[in-house]
């Protein structure tokens, strides 16, 4: 897998990660290309690695739930034996934007 997947931004693309400006399509492409966890999506796209969700996201919450929902949509969610990925990037992130 590449370190970062590049995508052309479409004018009407739905934004998922406002901190890092990552759209839904870019995350879907990462999943289609083998990302199998939240950590994979973070590494490939940068989504979910910011720390200003409450300030930048209109929902006022971390984007990780939206990313995991995309896994559900693609039937690629990890099985129950996988490590718990229900953390918020704002709480566990050490990078400042």
N, C-alpha and C. Protein backbone atom coordinates (compact mmCIF):
# COMPACT_ATOMS: atom_id res chain seq x y z
N UNK A 1 0.83 -1.18 0.00
CA UNK A 1 0.00 0.00 0.00
C UNK A 1 0.88 1.24 0.00
N UNK A 2 0.43 2.26 -0.68
CA UNK A 2 1.15 3.54 -0.68
C UNK A 2 0.96 4.24 0.65
N UNK A 3 1.82 5.22 0.93
CA UNK A 3 1.70 5.98 2.16
C UNK A 3 0.50 6.90 2.17
N UNK A 4 0.13 7.43 1.01
CA UNK A 4 -1.00 8.36 0.93
C UNK A 4 -1.66 8.19 -0.43
N UNK A 5 -2.96 8.10 -0.44
CA UNK A 5 -3.71 8.00 -1.69
C UNK A 5 -4.10 9.41 -2.10
N UNK A 6 -3.81 9.76 -3.32
CA UNK A 6 -4.14 11.08 -3.84
C UNK A 6 -5.43 11.00 -4.65
N UNK A 7 -6.28 11.98 -4.49
CA UNK A 7 -7.55 12.04 -5.23
C UNK A 7 -7.76 13.46 -5.71
N UNK A 8 -8.36 13.61 -6.86
CA UNK A 8 -8.82 14.93 -7.28
C UNK A 8 -10.08 15.23 -6.51
N UNK A 9 -10.18 16.42 -5.95
CA UNK A 9 -11.38 16.78 -5.20
C UNK A 9 -12.50 17.12 -6.17
N UNK A 10 -13.63 16.51 -5.98
CA UNK A 10 -14.81 16.83 -6.77
C UNK A 10 -15.53 17.97 -6.07
N UNK A 11 -16.13 18.84 -6.86
CA UNK A 11 -16.76 20.02 -6.28
C UNK A 11 -17.89 19.68 -5.32
N UNK A 12 -18.55 18.56 -5.52
CA UNK A 12 -19.68 18.22 -4.66
C UNK A 12 -19.37 17.05 -3.74
N UNK A 13 -18.10 16.73 -3.56
CA UNK A 13 -17.73 15.61 -2.71
C UNK A 13 -18.06 15.91 -1.24
N UNK A 14 -18.59 14.91 -0.57
CA UNK A 14 -18.92 15.04 0.85
C UNK A 14 -17.64 14.97 1.67
N UNK A 15 -17.42 15.98 2.49
CA UNK A 15 -16.26 16.02 3.36
C UNK A 15 -16.52 15.12 4.57
N UNK A 16 -15.53 14.30 4.90
CA UNK A 16 -15.62 13.44 6.08
C UNK A 16 -14.73 14.00 7.19
N UNK A 17 -13.46 14.26 6.86
CA UNK A 17 -12.51 14.77 7.84
C UNK A 17 -12.21 16.23 7.51
N UNK A 18 -12.76 17.10 8.33
CA UNK A 18 -12.58 18.54 8.11
C UNK A 18 -11.21 19.01 8.56
N UNK A 19 -10.62 18.35 9.54
CA UNK A 19 -9.30 18.75 10.03
C UNK A 19 -8.24 18.58 8.94
N UNK A 20 -8.31 17.47 8.22
CA UNK A 20 -7.31 17.15 7.21
C UNK A 20 -7.84 17.30 5.78
N UNK A 21 -9.09 17.75 5.65
CA UNK A 21 -9.72 17.98 4.34
C UNK A 21 -9.72 16.71 3.47
N UNK A 22 -10.27 15.64 4.04
CA UNK A 22 -10.37 14.36 3.34
C UNK A 22 -11.83 14.07 3.08
N UNK A 23 -12.15 13.83 1.80
CA UNK A 23 -13.52 13.57 1.41
C UNK A 23 -13.89 12.10 1.44
N UNK A 24 -15.18 11.86 1.33
CA UNK A 24 -15.73 10.51 1.35
C UNK A 24 -15.12 9.64 0.25
N UNK A 25 -15.00 10.18 -0.95
CA UNK A 25 -14.50 9.40 -2.08
C UNK A 25 -13.07 8.91 -1.83
N UNK A 26 -12.23 9.76 -1.26
CA UNK A 26 -10.85 9.36 -0.98
C UNK A 26 -10.79 8.21 0.01
N UNK A 27 -11.66 8.25 1.01
CA UNK A 27 -11.71 7.16 1.99
C UNK A 27 -12.24 5.89 1.35
N UNK A 28 -13.28 6.02 0.51
CA UNK A 28 -13.81 4.84 -0.19
C UNK A 28 -12.75 4.20 -1.07
N UNK A 29 -11.95 5.01 -1.75
CA UNK A 29 -10.88 4.48 -2.59
C UNK A 29 -9.86 3.73 -1.74
N UNK A 30 -9.52 4.27 -0.58
CA UNK A 30 -8.59 3.59 0.32
C UNK A 30 -9.13 2.23 0.73
N UNK A 31 -10.41 2.17 1.08
CA UNK A 31 -11.05 0.90 1.47
C UNK A 31 -11.06 -0.07 0.30
N UNK A 32 -11.43 0.42 -0.87
CA UNK A 32 -11.46 -0.43 -2.06
C UNK A 32 -10.07 -0.97 -2.39
N UNK A 33 -9.03 -0.22 -2.04
CA UNK A 33 -7.65 -0.63 -2.33
C UNK A 33 -7.00 -1.40 -1.19
N UNK A 34 -7.79 -1.85 -0.24
CA UNK A 34 -7.28 -2.75 0.77
C UNK A 34 -7.20 -2.24 2.20
N UNK A 35 -7.52 -0.99 2.45
CA UNK A 35 -7.53 -0.52 3.84
C UNK A 35 -8.56 -1.35 4.59
N UNK A 36 -8.14 -1.95 5.69
CA UNK A 36 -9.04 -2.84 6.41
C UNK A 36 -9.28 -2.41 7.85
N UNK A 37 -8.79 -1.23 8.21
CA UNK A 37 -8.98 -0.74 9.56
C UNK A 37 -8.95 0.78 9.56
N UNK A 38 -9.39 1.35 10.66
CA UNK A 38 -9.33 2.80 10.82
C UNK A 38 -7.88 3.26 10.71
N UNK A 39 -6.96 2.52 11.30
CA UNK A 39 -5.53 2.88 11.25
C UNK A 39 -5.02 2.91 9.81
N UNK A 40 -5.46 1.96 8.98
CA UNK A 40 -5.08 1.96 7.56
C UNK A 40 -5.57 3.22 6.87
N UNK A 41 -6.83 3.57 7.10
CA UNK A 41 -7.40 4.77 6.48
C UNK A 41 -6.65 6.01 6.95
N UNK A 42 -6.32 6.06 8.23
CA UNK A 42 -5.58 7.20 8.75
C UNK A 42 -4.22 7.31 8.07
N UNK A 43 -3.51 6.20 7.93
CA UNK A 43 -2.19 6.20 7.33
C UNK A 43 -2.25 6.58 5.85
N UNK A 44 -3.24 6.06 5.15
CA UNK A 44 -3.33 6.27 3.70
C UNK A 44 -3.89 7.64 3.31
N UNK A 45 -4.78 8.18 4.12
CA UNK A 45 -5.45 9.42 3.72
C UNK A 45 -5.20 10.59 4.65
N UNK A 46 -4.80 10.30 5.87
CA UNK A 46 -4.65 11.36 6.86
C UNK A 46 -5.94 11.63 7.62
N UNK A 47 -7.05 11.10 7.16
CA UNK A 47 -8.34 11.31 7.83
C UNK A 47 -8.30 10.77 9.25
N UNK A 48 -8.93 11.50 10.16
CA UNK A 48 -9.01 11.04 11.54
C UNK A 48 -7.73 11.26 12.33
N UNK A 49 -6.83 12.10 11.83
CA UNK A 49 -5.58 12.34 12.54
C UNK A 49 -5.44 13.78 13.01
N UNK A 50 -6.47 14.57 12.82
CA UNK A 50 -6.44 15.95 13.27
C UNK A 50 -6.85 16.06 14.73
N UNK A 51 -6.99 17.27 15.20
CA UNK A 51 -7.37 17.45 16.60
C UNK A 51 -8.32 18.63 16.79
N UNK A 52 -8.95 19.08 15.72
CA UNK A 52 -9.83 20.25 15.81
C UNK A 52 -11.26 19.93 15.37
N UNK A 53 -11.72 18.72 15.63
CA UNK A 53 -13.03 18.27 15.17
C UNK A 53 -14.17 19.16 15.67
N UNK A 54 -14.18 19.44 16.95
CA UNK A 54 -15.28 20.23 17.51
C UNK A 54 -15.34 21.61 16.89
N UNK A 55 -14.21 22.11 16.47
CA UNK A 55 -14.13 23.44 15.87
C UNK A 55 -14.44 23.43 14.37
N UNK A 56 -13.94 22.43 13.62
CA UNK A 56 -14.05 22.44 12.17
C UNK A 56 -15.21 21.62 11.60
N UNK A 57 -15.53 20.50 12.23
CA UNK A 57 -16.60 19.64 11.73
C UNK A 57 -17.95 20.24 12.10
N UNK A 58 -18.83 20.47 11.11
CA UNK A 58 -20.15 21.02 11.42
C UNK A 58 -20.94 20.18 12.42
N UNK A 59 -20.65 18.88 12.47
CA UNK A 59 -21.33 18.01 13.45
C UNK A 59 -20.77 18.22 14.85
N UNK A 60 -19.59 18.81 14.96
CA UNK A 60 -18.97 19.04 16.25
C UNK A 60 -18.41 17.79 16.91
N UNK A 61 -18.17 16.75 16.11
CA UNK A 61 -17.65 15.49 16.64
C UNK A 61 -16.52 14.98 15.76
N UNK A 62 -15.79 14.02 16.30
CA UNK A 62 -14.71 13.37 15.57
C UNK A 62 -15.27 12.60 14.37
N UNK A 63 -14.50 12.53 13.29
CA UNK A 63 -14.95 11.88 12.06
C UNK A 63 -14.81 10.36 12.08
N UNK A 64 -14.21 9.79 13.13
CA UNK A 64 -13.94 8.35 13.10
C UNK A 64 -15.22 7.52 12.93
N UNK A 65 -16.32 7.97 13.47
CA UNK A 65 -17.58 7.20 13.30
C UNK A 65 -18.02 7.18 11.84
N UNK A 66 -17.83 8.29 11.14
CA UNK A 66 -18.18 8.34 9.72
C UNK A 66 -17.27 7.43 8.91
N UNK A 67 -16.01 7.37 9.29
CA UNK A 67 -15.07 6.49 8.59
C UNK A 67 -15.48 5.03 8.80
N UNK A 68 -15.78 4.67 10.04
CA UNK A 68 -16.19 3.29 10.33
C UNK A 68 -17.50 2.95 9.63
N UNK A 69 -18.38 3.93 9.48
CA UNK A 69 -19.63 3.71 8.76
C UNK A 69 -19.35 3.36 7.29
N UNK A 70 -18.32 3.96 6.72
CA UNK A 70 -17.95 3.63 5.34
C UNK A 70 -17.50 2.18 5.23
N UNK A 71 -16.83 1.67 6.27
CA UNK A 71 -16.48 0.25 6.28
C UNK A 71 -17.74 -0.60 6.27
N UNK A 72 -18.72 -0.22 7.07
CA UNK A 72 -19.99 -0.96 7.09
C UNK A 72 -20.60 -0.98 5.70
N UNK A 73 -20.59 0.17 5.03
CA UNK A 73 -21.18 0.27 3.70
C UNK A 73 -20.48 -0.65 2.70
N UNK A 74 -19.22 -0.89 2.88
CA UNK A 74 -18.45 -1.75 1.97
C UNK A 74 -18.29 -3.17 2.50
N UNK A 75 -18.98 -3.48 3.61
CA UNK A 75 -18.92 -4.82 4.21
C UNK A 75 -17.48 -5.26 4.47
N UNK A 76 -16.67 -4.32 4.93
CA UNK A 76 -15.28 -4.62 5.21
C UNK A 76 -14.93 -4.42 6.68
N UNK A 77 -15.92 -4.33 7.50
CA UNK A 77 -15.66 -4.09 8.92
C UNK A 77 -14.92 -5.31 9.51
N UNK A 78 -13.99 -5.02 10.40
CA UNK A 78 -13.21 -6.09 11.04
C UNK A 78 -14.10 -6.95 11.93
N UNK A 79 -13.68 -8.19 12.15
CA UNK A 79 -14.47 -9.09 12.99
C UNK A 79 -14.33 -8.72 14.46
N UNK A 80 -15.12 -9.37 15.30
CA UNK A 80 -15.17 -9.02 16.72
C UNK A 80 -13.85 -9.24 17.46
N UNK A 81 -12.96 -10.06 16.89
CA UNK A 81 -11.69 -10.32 17.57
C UNK A 81 -10.65 -9.23 17.31
N UNK A 82 -10.99 -8.27 16.47
CA UNK A 82 -10.05 -7.19 16.15
C UNK A 82 -9.93 -6.23 17.32
N UNK A 83 -8.82 -5.52 17.39
CA UNK A 83 -8.66 -4.52 18.46
C UNK A 83 -9.75 -3.46 18.38
N UNK A 84 -10.11 -2.92 19.52
CA UNK A 84 -11.14 -1.89 19.60
C UNK A 84 -10.64 -0.61 18.93
N UNK A 85 -11.40 -0.11 17.94
CA UNK A 85 -11.01 1.09 17.22
C UNK A 85 -11.99 2.23 17.50
N UNK A 86 -12.64 2.19 18.62
CA UNK A 86 -13.66 3.20 18.92
C UNK A 86 -13.08 4.33 19.76
N UNK A 87 -12.01 4.90 19.26
CA UNK A 87 -11.44 6.05 19.95
C UNK A 87 -11.61 7.28 19.08
N UNK A 88 -11.44 8.41 19.68
CA UNK A 88 -11.59 9.67 18.98
C UNK A 88 -10.22 10.24 18.65
N UNK A 89 -10.03 10.67 17.42
CA UNK A 89 -8.74 11.22 17.03
C UNK A 89 -8.38 12.44 17.87
N UNK A 90 -9.35 13.16 18.33
CA UNK A 90 -9.08 14.36 19.13
C UNK A 90 -8.49 14.01 20.50
N UNK A 91 -8.87 12.87 21.04
CA UNK A 91 -8.41 12.49 22.37
C UNK A 91 -7.07 11.78 22.34
N UNK A 92 -6.77 11.05 21.26
CA UNK A 92 -5.56 10.24 21.23
C UNK A 92 -4.52 10.77 20.27
N UNK A 93 -4.76 11.86 19.63
CA UNK A 93 -3.83 12.38 18.66
C UNK A 93 -2.78 13.25 19.31
N UNK A 94 -1.55 13.09 18.87
CA UNK A 94 -0.47 13.91 19.40
C UNK A 94 -0.07 14.99 18.40
N UNK A 95 -0.58 14.91 17.18
CA UNK A 95 -0.24 15.87 16.14
C UNK A 95 -1.16 17.08 16.26
N UNK A 96 -0.63 18.24 16.16
CA UNK A 96 -1.41 19.46 16.14
C UNK A 96 -1.52 19.95 14.71
N UNK A 97 -2.67 20.47 14.35
CA UNK A 97 -2.84 20.99 13.00
C UNK A 97 -2.66 22.48 12.97
